[in-house]
Amino acid sequence: MDAHWSLHIVIDPKVQGGAPVIRGTRVPVAVLVEALAAGDGVPEVARAYRVTDEQVRVALAYAAELVRSERTLALPR
């Protein structure tokens, strides 16, 4: 799998309000990740949204990259 998400995911203000979507579709990355989180398998999600298994995995890799790059500060209580 080509892990670089920019080959498979686009962010265009004219498509889905600028939400990240699978290139060539209007399928938001968040929808795919939410379906996986709900327990659906990669093949089921791919079929349901008419994308490839690879595109579903890339969506998950994109989400992981966002979480990895997130920086939070713990506030004292």
C-alpha atoms as a PDB file:
ATOM      1  CA  MET A   1       0.000   0.000   0.000  1.00  0.00           C
ATOM      2  CA  ASP A   2       1.209   3.477  -0.827  1.00  0.00           C
ATOM      3  CA  ALA A   3       1.049   5.015   2.617  1.00  0.00           C
ATOM      4  CA  HIS A   4       1.354   8.637   1.571  1.00  0.00           C
ATOM      5  CA  TRP A   5      -2.166   9.875   2.050  1.00  0.00           C
ATOM      6  CA  SER A   6      -1.867  12.910  -0.243  1.00  0.00           C
ATOM      7  CA  LEU A   7      -2.039  10.594  -3.245  1.00  0.00           C
ATOM      8  CA  HIS A   8      -5.464   9.360  -2.143  1.00  0.00           C
ATOM      9  CA  ILE A   9      -6.993  12.155  -0.075  1.00  0.00           C
ATOM     10  CA  VAL A  10      -7.836  15.686  -1.162  1.00  0.00           C
ATOM     11  CA  ILE A  11      -9.006  18.759   0.679  1.00  0.00           C
ATOM     12  CA  ASP A  12     -10.972  21.112  -1.554  1.00  0.00           C
ATOM     13  CA  PRO A  13     -13.197  23.873  -0.172  1.00  0.00           C
ATOM     14  CA  LYS A  14     -15.668  23.143  -3.004  1.00  0.00           C
ATOM     15  CA  VAL A  15     -16.089  19.488  -1.995  1.00  0.00           C
ATOM     16  CA  GLN A  16     -17.783  18.542   1.289  1.00  0.00           C
ATOM     17  CA  GLY A  17     -17.023  21.974   2.749  1.00  0.00           C
ATOM     18  CA  GLY A  18     -13.286  21.340   2.666  1.00  0.00           C
ATOM     19  CA  ALA A  19     -13.391  18.121   4.669  1.00  0.00           C
ATOM     20  CA  PRO A  20     -10.764  15.565   3.622  1.00  0.00           C
ATOM     21  CA  VAL A  21     -12.278  13.172   1.072  1.00  0.00           C
ATOM     22  CA  ILE A  22     -11.096  10.216  -0.954  1.00  0.00           C
ATOM     23  CA  ARG A  23      -9.710  11.525  -4.270  1.00  0.00           C
ATOM     24  CA  GLY A  24     -12.248  11.239  -7.080  1.00  0.00           C
ATOM     25  CA  THR A  25     -15.174  10.815  -4.672  1.00  0.00           C
ATOM     26  CA  ARG A  26     -17.166  12.880  -2.229  1.00  0.00           C
ATOM     27  CA  VAL A  27     -16.620  10.294   0.532  1.00  0.00           C
ATOM     28  CA  PRO A  28     -15.266  12.000   3.677  1.00  0.00           C
ATOM     29  CA  VAL A  29     -12.362  10.342   5.445  1.00  0.00           C
ATOM     30  CA  ALA A  30     -14.215  10.786   8.745  1.00  0.00           C
ATOM     31  CA  VAL A  31     -17.112   8.626   7.517  1.00  0.00           C
ATOM     32  CA  LEU A  32     -14.765   5.763   6.680  1.00  0.00           C
ATOM     33  CA  VAL A  33     -12.901   6.014   9.984  1.00  0.00           C
ATOM     34  CA  GLU A  34     -16.168   6.176  11.936  1.00  0.00           C
ATOM     35  CA  ALA A  35     -17.430   3.030  10.192  1.00  0.00           C
ATOM     36  CA  LEU A  36     -14.221   1.214  11.113  1.00  0.00           C
ATOM     37  CA  ALA A  37     -14.502   2.450  14.706  1.00  0.00           C
ATOM     38  CA  ALA A  38     -18.054   1.121  14.829  1.00  0.00           C
ATOM     39  CA  GLY A  39     -16.705  -2.344  14.091  1.00  0.00           C
ATOM     40  CA  ASP A  40     -17.180  -2.680  10.360  1.00  0.00           C
ATOM     41  CA  GLY A  41     -14.343  -4.406   8.529  1.00  0.00           C
ATOM     42  CA  VAL A  42     -12.308  -2.843   5.756  1.00  0.00           C
ATOM     43  CA  PRO A  43     -14.010  -4.853   2.968  1.00  0.00           C
ATOM     44  CA  GLU A  44     -17.478  -3.945   4.265  1.00  0.00           C
ATOM     45  CA  VAL A  45     -16.646  -0.247   4.504  1.00  0.00           C
ATOM     46  CA  ALA A  46     -15.085  -0.272   1.036  1.00  0.00           C
ATOM     47  CA  ARG A  47     -18.183  -1.890  -0.467  1.00  0.00           C
ATOM     48  CA  ALA A  48     -20.603   0.353   1.387  1.00  0.00           C
ATOM     49  CA  TYR A  49     -18.922   3.555   0.196  1.00  0.00           C
ATOM     50  CA  ARG A  50     -17.718   2.303  -3.207  1.00  0.00           C
ATOM     51  CA  VAL A  51     -14.034   2.818  -2.507  1.00  0.00           C
ATOM     52  CA  THR A  52     -11.150   0.353  -2.464  1.00  0.00           C
ATOM     53  CA  ASP A  53      -9.769  -1.469   0.547  1.00  0.00           C
ATOM     54  CA  GLU A  54      -6.560   0.509   0.036  1.00  0.00           C
ATOM     55  CA  GLN A  55      -8.450   3.808   0.184  1.00  0.00           C
ATOM     56  CA  VAL A  56     -10.069   2.780   3.474  1.00  0.00           C
ATOM     57  CA  ARG A  57      -6.649   1.914   4.915  1.00  0.00           C
ATOM     58  CA  VAL A  58      -5.204   5.211   3.682  1.00  0.00           C
ATOM     59  CA  ALA A  59      -8.063   7.049   5.407  1.00  0.00           C
ATOM     60  CA  LEU A  60      -7.115   5.300   8.630  1.00  0.00           C
ATOM     61  CA  ALA A  61      -3.432   6.146   8.105  1.00  0.00           C
ATOM     62  CA  TYR A  62      -4.394   9.789   7.558  1.00  0.00           C
ATOM     63  CA  ALA A  63      -6.366   9.810  10.808  1.00  0.00           C
ATOM     64  CA  ALA A  64      -3.408   8.240  12.631  1.00  0.00           C
ATOM     65  CA  GLU A  65      -1.097  10.918  11.261  1.00  0.00           C
ATOM     66  CA  LEU A  66      -3.440  13.633  12.523  1.00  0.00           C
ATOM     67  CA  VAL A  67      -3.526  12.096  15.997  1.00  0.00           C
ATOM     68  CA  ARG A  68       0.242  11.640  16.010  1.00  0.00           C
ATOM     69  CA  SER A  69       0.797  15.296  15.095  1.00  0.00           C
ATOM     70  CA  GLU A  70      -1.711  16.572  17.671  1.00  0.00           C
ATOM     71  CA  ARG A  71      -0.102  18.346  20.591  1.00  0.00           C
ATOM     72  CA  THR A  72      -1.961  18.935  23.822  1.00  0.00           C
ATOM     73  CA  LEU A  73      -0.967  20.533  27.060  1.00  0.00           C
ATOM     74  CA  ALA A  74      -2.065  19.197  30.390  1.00  0.00           C
ATOM     75  CA  LEU A  75      -3.585  21.937  32.494  1.00  0.00           C
ATOM     76  CA  PRO A  76      -2.908  21.915  36.219  1.00  0.00           C
ATOM     77  CA  ARG A  77      -5.905  21.154  38.386  1.00  0.00           C
END
